[in-house]
Amino acid sequence: MDNKSIEDLQKSLGPEIEANMEQIFASGEGMGKSGSFFFFSHDGNFLIKTMTSSDFQAFMKIFKYYFEHINLYPNSLLARIYGVYSVKMDESLPVYLILMGNSKKCDNRYLKANFDLKGSTSKREVFDKGQIKNTTTLKDLNLIKIKNEENCLLFQTEDIKAIMTQVGYDISLLNQFNLMDYSLLLAIEYNPEYVRKYPSEFLQKDETQIQKERSAKYGKTYTR
């Protein structure tokens, strides 16, 4: 799928790569109360995360149809899943893992903002607490504010049709299995060629000025 080979996985996820081991240890130290665990490969191409037993069983029921769908629609907007695994050691309970491709393909150096969109406005806004960065995951109302204030998201008519058609195909698969808790990842990226050509426009602002501008765009003083 996506022309990914075993060699590609080894280059990205090889345990002999020191940066991968550092990622794993850092992820383990940052595990929350839920006990969830995930880490990105050193090159950012893949993500491994734990699954619940129910999620594992659910995917085992649909994986055949999922892979058929991805092969039929190579431009599908569904997250790329390259494998799910059950790992069991000695007498311990099995741990379920999912191997995914990183859906965000852009370089964070050129990232303007990214969003988790659900098509709802109820509790769908991230308010600034002086900590919003370009890598902060914003929500639907944040996007609406930016769209109202800036000249962005200007798609060609044919692109809109292609995107909406593909979304329809993807939703039909999810609907077939009564899956509804999903969202759309949207990343807005500066044109890397433009950044390289006019670096002063991006480097001249200090962090204080950047934070003030983002605060004005994304909200005020608390998070939800």
N, C-alpha and C. Protein backbone atom coordinates (compact mmCIF):
# COMPACT_ATOMS: atom_id res chain seq x y z
N MET A 1 0.84 -1.19 0.00
CA MET A 1 0.00 0.00 0.00
C MET A 1 0.88 1.24 0.00
N ASP A 2 0.54 2.24 -0.84
CA ASP A 2 1.31 3.47 -0.96
C ASP A 2 2.77 3.21 -1.33
N ASN A 3 3.02 2.04 -1.91
CA ASN A 3 4.39 1.68 -2.33
C ASN A 3 5.38 1.66 -1.17
N LYS A 4 4.90 1.38 0.03
CA LYS A 4 5.77 1.25 1.19
C LYS A 4 6.31 -0.17 1.25
N SER A 5 7.62 -0.29 1.46
CA SER A 5 8.26 -1.60 1.50
C SER A 5 8.76 -1.90 2.90
N ILE A 6 9.16 -3.15 3.12
CA ILE A 6 9.76 -3.53 4.40
C ILE A 6 11.02 -2.70 4.65
N GLU A 7 11.75 -2.41 3.57
CA GLU A 7 12.96 -1.61 3.71
C GLU A 7 12.64 -0.20 4.18
N ASP A 8 11.52 0.35 3.71
CA ASP A 8 11.11 1.68 4.15
C ASP A 8 10.82 1.68 5.65
N LEU A 9 10.14 0.63 6.12
CA LEU A 9 9.83 0.53 7.54
C LEU A 9 11.10 0.39 8.37
N GLN A 10 12.03 -0.41 7.89
CA GLN A 10 13.27 -0.62 8.63
C GLN A 10 14.08 0.67 8.72
N LYS A 11 14.11 1.45 7.63
CA LYS A 11 14.86 2.71 7.64
C LYS A 11 14.26 3.70 8.62
N SER A 12 12.94 3.65 8.77
CA SER A 12 12.27 4.61 9.65
C SER A 12 12.19 4.12 11.09
N LEU A 13 11.96 2.81 11.28
CA LEU A 13 11.62 2.30 12.60
C LEU A 13 12.67 1.38 13.21
N GLY A 14 13.79 1.21 12.56
CA GLY A 14 14.81 0.29 13.06
C GLY A 14 15.19 0.58 14.50
N PRO A 15 15.16 -0.44 15.38
CA PRO A 15 15.49 -0.22 16.80
C PRO A 15 16.95 0.14 17.02
N GLU A 16 17.79 -0.10 16.02
CA GLU A 16 19.20 0.24 16.16
C GLU A 16 19.45 1.74 15.97
N ILE A 17 18.42 2.45 15.53
CA ILE A 17 18.54 3.90 15.33
C ILE A 17 18.35 4.60 16.67
N GLU A 18 19.36 5.28 17.12
CA GLU A 18 19.36 5.88 18.46
C GLU A 18 18.20 6.85 18.64
N ALA A 19 17.90 7.63 17.60
CA ALA A 19 16.82 8.62 17.71
C ALA A 19 15.47 7.94 17.97
N ASN A 20 15.28 6.74 17.43
CA ASN A 20 14.03 6.01 17.70
C ASN A 20 13.95 5.60 19.16
N MET A 21 15.03 5.11 19.71
CA MET A 21 15.04 4.71 21.11
C MET A 21 14.77 5.91 22.01
N GLU A 22 15.33 7.05 21.65
CA GLU A 22 15.07 8.26 22.43
C GLU A 22 13.59 8.64 22.37
N GLN A 23 12.98 8.48 21.20
CA GLN A 23 11.56 8.77 21.06
C GLN A 23 10.72 7.84 21.93
N ILE A 24 11.08 6.57 21.96
CA ILE A 24 10.33 5.59 22.74
C ILE A 24 10.41 5.91 24.23
N PHE A 25 11.63 6.18 24.71
CA PHE A 25 11.79 6.48 26.13
C PHE A 25 11.06 7.76 26.51
N ALA A 26 11.13 8.77 25.64
CA ALA A 26 10.44 10.04 25.92
C ALA A 26 8.93 9.84 25.95
N SER A 27 8.41 8.99 25.06
CA SER A 27 6.97 8.72 25.03
C SER A 27 6.55 7.98 26.29
N GLY A 28 7.38 7.04 26.74
CA GLY A 28 7.06 6.29 27.96
C GLY A 28 6.99 7.19 29.17
N GLU A 29 7.90 8.16 29.24
CA GLU A 29 7.92 9.08 30.37
C GLU A 29 6.72 10.02 30.35
N GLY A 30 6.17 10.24 29.15
CA GLY A 30 5.06 11.18 29.04
C GLY A 30 3.69 10.53 29.03
N MET A 31 3.61 9.25 29.32
CA MET A 31 2.32 8.55 29.32
C MET A 31 1.41 9.15 30.37
N GLY A 32 0.15 9.36 29.98
CA GLY A 32 -0.82 9.92 30.91
C GLY A 32 -1.49 8.86 31.75
N LYS A 33 -2.53 9.30 32.49
CA LYS A 33 -3.25 8.38 33.36
C LYS A 33 -3.93 7.26 32.56
N SER A 34 -4.26 7.56 31.31
CA SER A 34 -4.94 6.56 30.48
C SER A 34 -4.02 5.40 30.14
N GLY A 35 -2.71 5.61 30.28
CA GLY A 35 -1.76 4.55 29.94
C GLY A 35 -1.49 4.45 28.45
N SER A 36 -2.03 5.39 27.66
CA SER A 36 -1.82 5.35 26.22
C SER A 36 -0.36 5.69 25.90
N PHE A 37 0.12 5.14 24.81
CA PHE A 37 1.53 5.28 24.44
C PHE A 37 1.62 5.44 22.93
N PHE A 38 2.41 6.41 22.48
CA PHE A 38 2.65 6.52 21.04
C PHE A 38 3.98 7.23 20.81
N PHE A 39 4.55 6.96 19.66
CA PHE A 39 5.77 7.68 19.28
C PHE A 39 5.89 7.71 17.76
N PHE A 40 6.55 8.76 17.28
CA PHE A 40 6.84 8.90 15.86
C PHE A 40 8.22 8.34 15.56
N SER A 41 8.37 7.81 14.37
CA SER A 41 9.70 7.37 13.94
C SER A 41 10.61 8.59 13.86
N HIS A 42 11.91 8.36 13.86
CA HIS A 42 12.87 9.46 13.91
C HIS A 42 12.72 10.42 12.74
N ASP A 43 12.23 9.91 11.59
CA ASP A 43 12.08 10.77 10.41
C ASP A 43 10.67 11.32 10.27
N GLY A 44 9.79 10.98 11.23
CA GLY A 44 8.43 11.51 11.22
C GLY A 44 7.51 10.85 10.20
N ASN A 45 7.93 9.76 9.57
CA ASN A 45 7.10 9.15 8.54
C ASN A 45 6.03 8.21 9.09
N PHE A 46 6.28 7.64 10.28
CA PHE A 46 5.36 6.65 10.83
C PHE A 46 5.06 6.95 12.30
N LEU A 47 3.94 6.40 12.73
CA LEU A 47 3.50 6.54 14.11
C LEU A 47 3.07 5.17 14.62
N ILE A 48 3.53 4.82 15.81
CA ILE A 48 3.09 3.58 16.47
C ILE A 48 2.39 3.99 17.76
N LYS A 49 1.20 3.46 17.99
CA LYS A 49 0.47 3.80 19.21
C LYS A 49 -0.28 2.57 19.71
N THR A 50 -0.61 2.61 20.98
CA THR A 50 -1.35 1.50 21.56
C THR A 50 -2.83 1.62 21.19
N MET A 51 -3.50 0.47 21.18
CA MET A 51 -4.93 0.40 20.92
C MET A 51 -5.62 -0.30 22.08
N THR A 52 -6.89 -0.02 22.25
CA THR A 52 -7.66 -0.80 23.21
C THR A 52 -8.02 -2.13 22.55
N SER A 53 -8.38 -3.08 23.38
CA SER A 53 -8.78 -4.39 22.85
C SER A 53 -9.99 -4.27 21.94
N SER A 54 -10.95 -3.40 22.30
CA SER A 54 -12.16 -3.24 21.48
C SER A 54 -11.83 -2.61 20.13
N ASP A 55 -10.90 -1.64 20.12
CA ASP A 55 -10.50 -1.02 18.85
C ASP A 55 -9.78 -2.05 17.96
N PHE A 56 -8.96 -2.88 18.59
CA PHE A 56 -8.24 -3.91 17.84
C PHE A 56 -9.23 -4.88 17.19
N GLN A 57 -10.19 -5.34 17.97
CA GLN A 57 -11.17 -6.29 17.45
C GLN A 57 -12.03 -5.65 16.35
N ALA A 58 -12.37 -4.38 16.54
CA ALA A 58 -13.17 -3.69 15.53
C ALA A 58 -12.42 -3.57 14.21
N PHE A 59 -11.13 -3.24 14.28
CA PHE A 59 -10.37 -3.09 13.05
C PHE A 59 -10.17 -4.44 12.37
N MET A 60 -10.02 -5.50 13.14
CA MET A 60 -9.85 -6.82 12.55
C MET A 60 -11.07 -7.20 11.70
N LYS A 61 -12.24 -6.64 12.05
CA LYS A 61 -13.44 -6.95 11.29
C LYS A 61 -13.52 -6.18 9.97
N ILE A 62 -12.89 -5.02 9.93
CA ILE A 62 -13.06 -4.18 8.75
C ILE A 62 -11.80 -4.06 7.91
N PHE A 63 -10.66 -4.65 8.38
CA PHE A 63 -9.40 -4.36 7.69
C PHE A 63 -9.42 -4.78 6.22
N LYS A 64 -10.09 -5.88 5.90
CA LYS A 64 -10.16 -6.32 4.50
C LYS A 64 -10.79 -5.24 3.64
N TYR A 65 -11.90 -4.68 4.12
CA TYR A 65 -12.62 -3.66 3.36
C TYR A 65 -11.84 -2.35 3.34
N TYR A 66 -11.13 -2.08 4.43
CA TYR A 66 -10.30 -0.87 4.50
C TYR A 66 -9.21 -0.92 3.43
N PHE A 67 -8.48 -2.02 3.35
CA PHE A 67 -7.39 -2.12 2.38
C PHE A 67 -7.92 -2.13 0.94
N GLU A 68 -9.06 -2.75 0.73
CA GLU A 68 -9.67 -2.70 -0.60
C GLU A 68 -10.01 -1.27 -0.98
N HIS A 69 -10.52 -0.51 -0.02
CA HIS A 69 -10.90 0.88 -0.26
C HIS A 69 -9.68 1.72 -0.59
N ILE A 70 -8.60 1.57 0.17
CA ILE A 70 -7.39 2.37 -0.07
C ILE A 70 -6.78 2.04 -1.42
N ASN A 71 -6.80 0.76 -1.79
CA ASN A 71 -6.26 0.36 -3.08
C ASN A 71 -7.12 0.88 -4.23
N LEU A 72 -8.44 0.95 -3.99
CA LEU A 72 -9.36 1.44 -5.02
C LEU A 72 -9.28 2.96 -5.15
N TYR A 73 -9.07 3.63 -4.01
CA TYR A 73 -9.00 5.09 -4.00
C TYR A 73 -7.65 5.53 -3.40
N PRO A 74 -6.61 5.55 -4.21
CA PRO A 74 -5.28 5.91 -3.68
C PRO A 74 -5.20 7.32 -3.11
N ASN A 75 -6.15 8.19 -3.47
CA ASN A 75 -6.17 9.55 -2.94
C ASN A 75 -7.12 9.67 -1.75
N SER A 76 -7.49 8.54 -1.18
CA SER A 76 -8.36 8.55 0.00
C SER A 76 -7.78 9.42 1.10
N LEU A 77 -8.66 10.11 1.82
CA LEU A 77 -8.24 10.96 2.92
C LEU A 77 -8.20 10.21 4.24
N LEU A 78 -8.51 8.93 4.22
CA LEU A 78 -8.44 8.13 5.44
C LEU A 78 -6.99 7.96 5.87
N ALA A 79 -6.78 7.94 7.18
CA ALA A 79 -5.43 7.73 7.70
C ALA A 79 -4.89 6.39 7.20
N ARG A 80 -3.60 6.37 6.92
CA ARG A 80 -2.99 5.15 6.42
C ARG A 80 -2.59 4.24 7.58
N ILE A 81 -3.15 3.05 7.58
CA ILE A 81 -2.85 2.05 8.61
C ILE A 81 -2.11 0.90 7.92
N TYR A 82 -0.89 0.65 8.36
CA TYR A 82 -0.06 -0.36 7.71
C TYR A 82 -0.02 -1.68 8.47
N GLY A 83 -0.59 -1.71 9.65
CA GLY A 83 -0.63 -2.97 10.39
C GLY A 83 -1.14 -2.77 11.81
N VAL A 84 -1.76 -3.80 12.35
CA VAL A 84 -2.14 -3.83 13.77
C VAL A 84 -1.57 -5.12 14.35
N TYR A 85 -1.14 -5.05 15.60
CA TYR A 85 -0.39 -6.17 16.17
C TYR A 85 -0.84 -6.43 17.61
N SER A 86 -0.78 -7.69 17.97
CA SER A 86 -1.00 -8.11 19.35
C SER A 86 0.32 -8.66 19.88
N VAL A 87 0.85 -8.03 20.93
CA VAL A 87 2.14 -8.42 21.49
C VAL A 87 1.92 -8.96 22.90
N LYS A 88 2.39 -10.18 23.14
CA LYS A 88 2.20 -10.80 24.44
C LYS A 88 3.53 -11.36 24.94
N MET A 89 3.85 -11.04 26.19
CA MET A 89 5.10 -11.51 26.79
C MET A 89 4.79 -12.26 28.08
N ASP A 90 5.27 -13.49 28.15
CA ASP A 90 5.10 -14.33 29.33
C ASP A 90 3.64 -14.37 29.77
N GLU A 91 3.40 -14.02 31.04
CA GLU A 91 2.05 -14.12 31.60
C GLU A 91 1.29 -12.79 31.53
N SER A 92 1.89 -11.79 30.95
CA SER A 92 1.24 -10.48 30.90
C SER A 92 0.09 -10.47 29.88
N LEU A 93 -0.80 -9.53 30.03
CA LEU A 93 -1.90 -9.36 29.09
C LEU A 93 -1.35 -8.84 27.76
N PRO A 94 -1.98 -9.17 26.66
CA PRO A 94 -1.48 -8.70 25.37
C PRO A 94 -1.59 -7.18 25.24
N VAL A 95 -0.65 -6.60 24.53
CA VAL A 95 -0.67 -5.18 24.21
C VAL A 95 -0.97 -5.05 22.72
N TYR A 96 -1.91 -4.19 22.38
CA TYR A 96 -2.31 -4.02 20.99
C TYR A 96 -1.70 -2.74 20.43
N LEU A 97 -1.08 -2.86 19.26
CA LEU A 97 -0.38 -1.74 18.64
C LEU A 97 -0.89 -1.51 17.22
N ILE A 98 -0.87 -0.26 16.81
CA ILE A 98 -1.25 0.08 15.44
C ILE A 98 -0.11 0.88 14.81
N LEU A 99 0.24 0.53 13.59
CA LEU A 99 1.28 1.21 12.82
C LEU A 99 0.61 2.06 11.75
N MET A 100 0.84 3.37 11.82
CA MET A 100 0.18 4.28 10.91
C MET A 100 1.21 5.16 10.20
N GLY A 101 0.80 5.69 9.06
CA GLY A 101 1.60 6.71 8.40
C GLY A 101 1.28 8.06 9.03
N ASN A 102 2.25 8.95 9.04
CA ASN A 102 2.02 10.30 9.55
C ASN A 102 1.18 11.07 8.55
N SER A 103 -0.03 11.44 8.95
CA SER A 103 -0.95 12.11 8.02
C SER A 103 -0.51 13.53 7.68
N LYS A 104 0.25 14.15 8.57
CA LYS A 104 0.70 15.52 8.32
C LYS A 104 2.05 15.46 7.61
N LYS A 105 2.04 15.76 6.33
CA LYS A 105 3.23 15.60 5.51
C LYS A 105 4.13 16.83 5.48
N CYS A 106 3.64 17.96 5.95
CA CYS A 106 4.42 19.18 5.80
C CYS A 106 5.48 19.31 6.90
N ASP A 107 6.49 20.08 6.61
CA ASP A 107 7.58 20.37 7.54
C ASP A 107 7.10 21.43 8.53
N ASN A 108 7.31 21.19 9.82
CA ASN A 108 6.85 22.14 10.83
C ASN A 108 7.47 23.53 10.66
N ARG A 109 8.60 23.61 10.00
CA ARG A 109 9.23 24.92 9.77
C ARG A 109 8.36 25.79 8.88
N TYR A 110 7.54 25.16 8.02
CA TYR A 110 6.70 25.91 7.09
C TYR A 110 5.22 25.85 7.48
N LEU A 111 4.92 25.26 8.62
CA LEU A 111 3.53 25.09 9.04
C LEU A 111 2.98 26.40 9.61
N LYS A 112 1.86 26.83 9.08
CA LYS A 112 1.18 28.02 9.60
C LYS A 112 0.27 27.64 10.76
N ALA A 113 -0.56 26.60 10.56
CA ALA A 113 -1.47 26.14 11.62
C ALA A 113 -2.03 24.79 11.21
N ASN A 114 -2.45 24.00 12.18
CA ASN A 114 -3.14 22.74 11.84
C ASN A 114 -4.36 22.57 12.75
N PHE A 115 -5.34 21.85 12.21
CA PHE A 115 -6.66 21.79 12.81
C PHE A 115 -7.20 20.36 12.86
N ASP A 116 -7.97 20.10 13.91
CA ASP A 116 -8.74 18.86 14.03
C ASP A 116 -10.20 19.27 13.86
N LEU A 117 -10.80 18.92 12.73
CA LEU A 117 -12.13 19.41 12.38
C LEU A 117 -13.18 18.31 12.47
N LYS A 118 -14.29 18.62 13.11
CA LYS A 118 -15.38 17.66 13.25
C LYS A 118 -16.69 18.16 12.62
N GLY A 119 -16.66 19.36 12.03
CA GLY A 119 -17.89 19.88 11.43
C GLY A 119 -18.90 20.33 12.46
N SER A 120 -18.42 20.73 13.63
CA SER A 120 -19.29 21.18 14.73
C SER A 120 -18.68 22.44 15.33
N THR A 121 -19.54 23.27 15.96
CA THR A 121 -19.05 24.47 16.64
C THR A 121 -19.22 24.37 18.15
N SER A 122 -19.75 23.28 18.64
CA SER A 122 -19.95 23.10 20.08
C SER A 122 -18.64 22.71 20.76
N LYS A 123 -18.12 23.60 21.60
CA LYS A 123 -16.86 23.37 22.32
C LYS A 123 -15.73 23.03 21.36
N ARG A 124 -15.75 23.72 20.21
CA ARG A 124 -14.73 23.42 19.19
C ARG A 124 -13.84 24.64 18.96
N GLU A 125 -13.24 25.14 20.05
CA GLU A 125 -12.31 26.25 19.94
C GLU A 125 -11.21 26.10 20.97
N VAL A 126 -10.00 26.37 20.56
CA VAL A 126 -8.85 26.40 21.46
C VAL A 126 -8.56 27.87 21.76
N PHE A 127 -8.59 28.23 23.03
CA PHE A 127 -8.32 29.60 23.43
C PHE A 127 -6.86 29.75 23.85
N ASP A 128 -6.31 30.90 23.53
CA ASP A 128 -4.89 31.11 23.79
C ASP A 128 -4.62 31.32 25.27
N LYS A 129 -3.58 30.67 25.72
CA LYS A 129 -3.09 30.85 27.09
C LYS A 129 -1.62 31.22 27.04
N GLY A 130 -1.26 31.90 25.97
CA GLY A 130 0.12 32.27 25.78
C GLY A 130 1.00 31.12 25.34
N GLN A 131 0.37 30.00 24.93
CA GLN A 131 1.16 28.82 24.60
C GLN A 131 0.86 28.27 23.21
N ILE A 132 0.04 28.98 22.45
CA ILE A 132 -0.30 28.49 21.12
C ILE A 132 0.91 28.64 20.19
N LYS A 133 1.25 27.55 19.54
CA LYS A 133 2.35 27.52 18.59
C LYS A 133 1.79 27.13 17.23
N ASN A 134 2.63 27.15 16.21
CA ASN A 134 2.16 26.74 14.90
C ASN A 134 1.82 25.26 14.86
N THR A 135 2.35 24.48 15.81
CA THR A 135 2.07 23.04 15.86
C THR A 135 0.89 22.71 16.78
N THR A 136 0.33 23.72 17.45
CA THR A 136 -0.84 23.48 18.30
C THR A 136 -2.02 23.04 17.46
N THR A 137 -2.73 22.00 17.89
CA THR A 137 -3.89 21.52 17.14
C THR A 137 -5.10 22.36 17.49
N LEU A 138 -5.55 23.15 16.53
CA LEU A 138 -6.70 24.03 16.70
C LEU A 138 -7.97 23.33 16.25
N LYS A 139 -9.11 24.01 16.38
CA LYS A 139 -10.40 23.36 16.10
C LYS A 139 -11.25 24.21 15.16
N ASP A 140 -12.49 23.78 14.98
CA ASP A 140 -13.36 24.34 13.95
C ASP A 140 -13.53 25.86 14.05
N LEU A 141 -13.83 26.37 15.25
CA LEU A 141 -14.06 27.80 15.39
C LEU A 141 -12.79 28.61 15.15
N ASN A 142 -11.64 28.05 15.48
CA ASN A 142 -10.38 28.73 15.17
C ASN A 142 -10.24 28.91 13.67
N LEU A 143 -10.59 27.86 12.92
CA LEU A 143 -10.48 27.93 11.46
C LEU A 143 -11.43 28.97 10.89
N ILE A 144 -12.66 29.02 11.42
CA ILE A 144 -13.64 30.00 10.95
C ILE A 144 -13.12 31.42 11.18
N LYS A 145 -12.51 31.67 12.34
CA LYS A 145 -11.95 32.99 12.63
C LYS A 145 -10.86 33.36 11.62
N ILE A 146 -9.96 32.42 11.37
CA ILE A 146 -8.87 32.69 10.44
C ILE A 146 -9.42 32.94 9.03
N LYS A 147 -10.41 32.13 8.64
CA LYS A 147 -11.00 32.28 7.31
C LYS A 147 -11.66 33.65 7.16
N ASN A 148 -12.26 34.14 8.21
CA ASN A 148 -12.93 35.45 8.16
C ASN A 148 -11.94 36.61 8.15
N GLU A 149 -10.73 36.36 8.66
CA GLU A 149 -9.75 37.44 8.79
C GLU A 149 -8.68 37.43 7.70
N GLU A 150 -8.48 36.28 7.07
CA GLU A 150 -7.40 36.17 6.11
C GLU A 150 -7.89 35.64 4.77
N ASN A 151 -7.11 35.90 3.76
CA ASN A 151 -7.43 35.44 2.42
C ASN A 151 -6.82 34.06 2.22
N CYS A 152 -7.49 33.04 2.76
CA CYS A 152 -6.93 31.68 2.69
C CYS A 152 -8.02 30.68 2.34
N LEU A 153 -7.61 29.44 2.17
CA LEU A 153 -8.51 28.34 1.78
C LEU A 153 -9.24 28.65 0.47
N LEU A 154 -8.49 29.16 -0.49
CA LEU A 154 -9.05 29.49 -1.80
C LEU A 154 -8.74 28.34 -2.76
N PHE A 155 -9.68 27.42 -2.89
CA PHE A 155 -9.49 26.24 -3.73
C PHE A 155 -10.08 26.46 -5.12
N GLN A 156 -9.47 25.82 -6.10
CA GLN A 156 -10.06 25.79 -7.44
C GLN A 156 -11.32 24.94 -7.42
N THR A 157 -12.25 25.27 -8.29
CA THR A 157 -13.53 24.56 -8.32
C THR A 157 -13.34 23.06 -8.51
N GLU A 158 -12.44 22.68 -9.41
CA GLU A 158 -12.22 21.26 -9.66
C GLU A 158 -11.61 20.56 -8.44
N ASP A 159 -10.79 21.29 -7.68
CA ASP A 159 -10.22 20.71 -6.47
C ASP A 159 -11.30 20.49 -5.41
N ILE A 160 -12.20 21.45 -5.28
CA ILE A 160 -13.32 21.30 -4.32
C ILE A 160 -14.14 20.07 -4.67
N LYS A 161 -14.46 19.91 -5.95
CA LYS A 161 -15.25 18.76 -6.38
C LYS A 161 -14.52 17.46 -6.09
N ALA A 162 -13.21 17.42 -6.35
CA ALA A 162 -12.43 16.20 -6.14
C ALA A 162 -12.37 15.86 -4.65
N ILE A 163 -12.16 16.88 -3.81
CA ILE A 163 -12.09 16.64 -2.36
C ILE A 163 -13.42 16.15 -1.83
N MET A 164 -14.51 16.82 -2.20
CA MET A 164 -15.83 16.45 -1.69
C MET A 164 -16.24 15.05 -2.17
N THR A 165 -15.88 14.73 -3.42
CA THR A 165 -16.19 13.39 -3.93
C THR A 165 -15.46 12.33 -3.13
N GLN A 166 -14.16 12.57 -2.85
CA GLN A 166 -13.37 11.60 -2.10
C GLN A 166 -13.87 11.48 -0.66
N VAL A 167 -14.22 12.61 -0.05
CA VAL A 167 -14.79 12.57 1.31
C VAL A 167 -16.05 11.71 1.32
N GLY A 168 -16.87 11.85 0.29
CA GLY A 168 -18.08 11.04 0.21
C GLY A 168 -17.78 9.56 0.14
N TYR A 169 -16.80 9.17 -0.66
CA TYR A 169 -16.41 7.77 -0.75
C TYR A 169 -15.90 7.26 0.60
N ASP A 170 -15.06 8.06 1.26
CA ASP A 170 -14.49 7.64 2.53
C ASP A 170 -15.56 7.50 3.62
N ILE A 171 -16.48 8.46 3.66
CA ILE A 171 -17.54 8.40 4.67
C ILE A 171 -18.44 7.20 4.44
N SER A 172 -18.64 6.83 3.19
CA SER A 172 -19.50 5.68 2.91
C SER A 172 -18.92 4.41 3.52
N LEU A 173 -17.59 4.28 3.52
CA LEU A 173 -16.96 3.11 4.15
C LEU A 173 -17.16 3.15 5.66
N LEU A 174 -16.94 4.31 6.26
CA LEU A 174 -17.11 4.44 7.71
C LEU A 174 -18.57 4.19 8.10
N ASN A 175 -19.48 4.70 7.29
CA ASN A 175 -20.91 4.52 7.56
C ASN A 175 -21.30 3.06 7.49
N GLN A 176 -20.67 2.32 6.59
CA GLN A 176 -20.97 0.90 6.43
C GLN A 176 -20.74 0.12 7.72
N PHE A 177 -19.79 0.59 8.53
CA PHE A 177 -19.46 -0.10 9.78
C PHE A 177 -19.86 0.72 11.01
N ASN A 178 -20.77 1.68 10.79
CA ASN A 178 -21.32 2.49 11.89
C ASN A 178 -20.23 3.20 12.69
N LEU A 179 -19.20 3.68 11.99
CA LEU A 179 -18.13 4.44 12.63
C LEU A 179 -18.41 5.93 12.45
N MET A 180 -18.44 6.68 13.55
CA MET A 180 -18.78 8.09 13.43
C MET A 180 -17.86 9.03 14.21
N ASP A 181 -17.02 8.50 15.09
CA ASP A 181 -16.14 9.36 15.88
C ASP A 181 -14.84 9.59 15.12
N TYR A 182 -14.91 10.42 14.09
CA TYR A 182 -13.73 10.69 13.29
C TYR A 182 -13.67 12.19 13.02
N SER A 183 -12.52 12.66 12.58
CA SER A 183 -12.35 14.07 12.29
C SER A 183 -11.41 14.23 11.10
N LEU A 184 -11.34 15.46 10.60
CA LEU A 184 -10.50 15.76 9.45
C LEU A 184 -9.30 16.58 9.91
N LEU A 185 -8.11 16.11 9.59
CA LEU A 185 -6.89 16.86 9.89
C LEU A 185 -6.61 17.80 8.73
N LEU A 186 -6.51 19.09 9.03
CA LEU A 186 -6.19 20.09 8.02
C LEU A 186 -4.94 20.85 8.45
N ALA A 187 -3.95 20.90 7.59
CA ALA A 187 -2.73 21.66 7.86
C ALA A 187 -2.60 22.75 6.81
N ILE A 188 -2.33 23.98 7.27
CA ILE A 188 -2.09 25.10 6.36
C ILE A 188 -0.59 25.39 6.39
N GLU A 189 0.00 25.34 5.22
CA GLU A 189 1.46 25.45 5.12
C GLU A 189 1.86 26.64 4.25
N TYR A 190 2.88 27.35 4.70
CA TYR A 190 3.47 28.38 3.84
C TYR A 190 4.20 27.69 2.69
N ASN A 191 4.20 28.32 1.54
CA ASN A 191 4.93 27.77 0.39
C ASN A 191 6.43 27.78 0.71
N PRO A 192 7.05 26.60 0.82
CA PRO A 192 8.49 26.54 1.17
C PRO A 192 9.36 27.38 0.24
N GLU A 193 9.01 27.42 -1.05
CA GLU A 193 9.80 28.20 -2.00
C GLU A 193 9.71 29.68 -1.67
N TYR A 194 8.53 30.12 -1.26
CA TYR A 194 8.34 31.53 -0.89
C TYR A 194 9.13 31.85 0.37
N VAL A 195 9.13 30.95 1.34
CA VAL A 195 9.87 31.17 2.58
C VAL A 195 11.35 31.29 2.29
N ARG A 196 11.85 30.42 1.41
CA ARG A 196 13.28 30.47 1.08
C ARG A 196 13.64 31.73 0.28
N LYS A 197 12.68 32.21 -0.51
CA LYS A 197 12.94 33.38 -1.34
C LYS A 197 12.86 34.67 -0.53
N TYR A 198 11.95 34.71 0.46
CA TYR A 198 11.76 35.91 1.26
C TYR A 198 11.87 35.56 2.75
N PRO A 199 13.02 35.09 3.20
CA PRO A 199 13.15 34.64 4.59
C PRO A 199 12.92 35.74 5.62
N SER A 200 13.23 36.98 5.25
CA SER A 200 13.10 38.07 6.23
C SER A 200 11.66 38.26 6.68
N GLU A 201 10.70 37.93 5.82
CA GLU A 201 9.30 38.09 6.17
C GLU A 201 8.88 37.13 7.27
N PHE A 202 9.65 36.07 7.44
CA PHE A 202 9.30 35.05 8.43
C PHE A 202 10.24 35.06 9.62
N LEU A 203 11.44 35.63 9.43
CA LEU A 203 12.43 35.61 10.50
C LEU A 203 12.50 36.91 11.29
N GLN A 204 11.90 37.98 10.75
CA GLN A 204 12.07 39.27 11.39
C GLN A 204 11.21 39.42 12.65
N LYS A 205 10.17 38.64 12.80
CA LYS A 205 9.31 38.74 13.96
C LYS A 205 9.88 37.93 15.11
N ASP A 206 9.95 38.55 16.30
CA ASP A 206 10.40 37.79 17.45
C ASP A 206 9.23 37.01 18.03
N GLU A 207 9.51 36.12 18.96
CA GLU A 207 8.49 35.23 19.50
C GLU A 207 7.37 36.00 20.19
N THR A 208 7.69 37.13 20.84
CA THR A 208 6.66 37.92 21.51
C THR A 208 5.65 38.45 20.52
N GLN A 209 6.14 38.96 19.39
CA GLN A 209 5.24 39.49 18.37
C GLN A 209 4.38 38.38 17.77
N ILE A 210 4.98 37.23 17.54
CA ILE A 210 4.23 36.10 16.98
C ILE A 210 3.12 35.68 17.92
N GLN A 211 3.43 35.60 19.21
CA GLN A 211 2.43 35.19 20.20
C GLN A 211 1.30 36.21 20.27
N LYS A 212 1.63 37.51 20.17
CA LYS A 212 0.58 38.54 20.21
C LYS A 212 -0.36 38.39 19.02
N GLU A 213 0.20 38.13 17.85
CA GLU A 213 -0.62 37.99 16.65
C GLU A 213 -1.51 36.76 16.75
N ARG A 214 -0.95 35.66 17.25
CA ARG A 214 -1.75 34.43 17.36
C ARG A 214 -2.83 34.57 18.43
N SER A 215 -2.50 35.30 19.51
CA SER A 215 -3.48 35.53 20.56
C SER A 215 -4.66 36.31 20.03
N ALA A 216 -4.38 37.30 19.18
CA ALA A 216 -5.44 38.12 18.62
C ALA A 216 -6.33 37.31 17.69
N LYS A 217 -5.74 36.31 17.02
CA LYS A 217 -6.50 35.51 16.05
C LYS A 217 -7.28 34.39 16.72
N TYR A 218 -6.65 33.70 17.72
CA TYR A 218 -7.20 32.46 18.20
C TYR A 218 -8.00 32.58 19.48
N GLY A 219 -7.97 33.72 20.16
CA GLY A 219 -8.77 33.80 21.37
C GLY A 219 -8.06 34.57 22.46
N LYS A 220 -8.55 34.46 23.68
CA LYS A 220 -8.04 35.28 24.77
C LYS A 220 -7.23 34.50 25.79
N THR A 221 -7.79 34.26 26.97
CA THR A 221 -6.90 33.93 28.08
C THR A 221 -7.08 32.56 28.71
N TYR A 222 -7.89 31.69 28.16
CA TYR A 222 -8.04 30.39 28.80
C TYR A 222 -8.23 29.30 27.76
N THR A 223 -8.07 28.04 28.19
CA THR A 223 -8.24 26.92 27.28
C THR A 223 -9.45 26.11 27.70
N ARG A 224 -10.01 25.41 26.75
CA ARG A 224 -11.17 24.56 27.04
C ARG A 224 -10.87 23.15 26.62
